[in-house]
Amino acid sequence: MTIAVTGATGQLGQLVIAKLKEKTAGSNIIALVRSQPRSKPPYPV
C-alpha cells in the first residue's frame, strides 16, 4: 500500500513521515510538497 503525506515539509508532516517509516518501508511513502526547494528531507529516505 502506498501512503501519500501532504505538507511533508512542515513540522507535522515530518513527524508523520518519521512515524510511518517506523511502520512501513520508505518506498511505500510519497511526500507531497508545495515548494520544491524545501523538499529536500533532513533525513535519509
C-alpha atoms as a PDB file:
ATOM      1  CA  MET A   1       0.000   0.000   0.000  1.00  0.00           C
ATOM      2  CA  THR A   2       1.324   3.459  -0.896  1.00  0.00           C
ATOM      3  CA  ILE A   3       0.690   6.332   1.521  1.00  0.00           C
ATOM      4  CA  ALA A   4       0.804   9.992   0.419  1.00  0.00           C
ATOM      5  CA  VAL A   5       1.534  12.654   3.028  1.00  0.00           C
ATOM      6  CA  THR A   6       0.557  16.243   2.228  1.00  0.00           C
ATOM      7  CA  GLY A   7       2.516  19.089   3.787  1.00  0.00           C
ATOM      8  CA  ALA A   8       5.548  16.839   4.144  1.00  0.00           C
ATOM      9  CA  THR A   9       7.993  19.726   4.697  1.00  0.00           C
ATOM     10  CA  GLY A  10       6.068  21.106   7.679  1.00  0.00           C
ATOM     11  CA  GLN A  11       6.596  20.166  11.304  1.00  0.00           C
ATOM     12  CA  LEU A  12       3.655  17.783  11.477  1.00  0.00           C
ATOM     13  CA  GLY A  13       4.364  16.295   8.051  1.00  0.00           C
ATOM     14  CA  GLN A  14       7.930  15.461   9.059  1.00  0.00           C
ATOM     15  CA  LEU A  15       6.716  13.782  12.244  1.00  0.00           C
ATOM     16  CA  VAL A  16       4.112  11.796  10.319  1.00  0.00           C
ATOM     17  CA  ILE A  17       6.698  10.584   7.818  1.00  0.00           C
ATOM     18  CA  ALA A  18       9.114   9.611  10.603  1.00  0.00           C
ATOM     19  CA  LYS A  19       6.416   7.530  12.328  1.00  0.00           C
ATOM     20  CA  LEU A  20       5.305   5.950   9.054  1.00  0.00           C
ATOM     21  CA  LYS A  21       8.908   4.935   8.333  1.00  0.00           C
ATOM     22  CA  GLU A  22       8.871   3.013  11.633  1.00  0.00           C
ATOM     23  CA  LYS A  23       5.788   1.107  10.469  1.00  0.00           C
ATOM     24  CA  THR A  24       6.455   0.592   6.734  1.00  0.00           C
ATOM     25  CA  ALA A  25       9.214   0.780   4.137  1.00  0.00           C
ATOM     26  CA  GLY A  26      10.163   4.229   2.861  1.00  0.00           C
ATOM     27  CA  SER A  27       9.297   3.089  -0.663  1.00  0.00           C
ATOM     28  CA  ASN A  28       5.632   2.978   0.435  1.00  0.00           C
ATOM     29  CA  ILE A  29       5.582   6.683   1.373  1.00  0.00           C
ATOM     30  CA  ILE A  30       5.079   9.599  -1.030  1.00  0.00           C
ATOM     31  CA  ALA A  31       5.801  13.082   0.313  1.00  0.00           C
ATOM     32  CA  LEU A  32       3.683  15.807  -1.305  1.00  0.00           C
ATOM     33  CA  VAL A  33       5.178  19.308  -1.069  1.00  0.00           C
ATOM     34  CA  ARG A  34       4.176  22.787  -2.176  1.00  0.00           C
ATOM     35  CA  SER A  35       7.680  24.245  -2.585  1.00  0.00           C
ATOM     36  CA  GLN A  36      10.303  22.104  -4.316  1.00  0.00           C
ATOM     37  CA  PRO A  37      13.382  23.853  -2.797  1.00  0.00           C
ATOM     38  CA  ARG A  38      12.124  22.945   0.694  1.00  0.00           C
ATOM     39  CA  SER A  39      11.519  19.338  -0.316  1.00  0.00           C
ATOM     40  CA  LYS A  40      14.986  18.004   0.489  1.00  0.00           C
ATOM     41  CA  PRO A  41      14.397  15.805   3.537  1.00  0.00           C
ATOM     42  CA  PRO A  42      16.558  16.300   6.619  1.00  0.00           C
ATOM     43  CA  TYR A  43      16.655  12.509   6.998  1.00  0.00           C
ATOM     44  CA  PRO A  44      17.681   9.623   4.752  1.00  0.00           C
ATOM     45  CA  VAL A  45      14.902   8.117   2.666  1.00  0.00           C
END
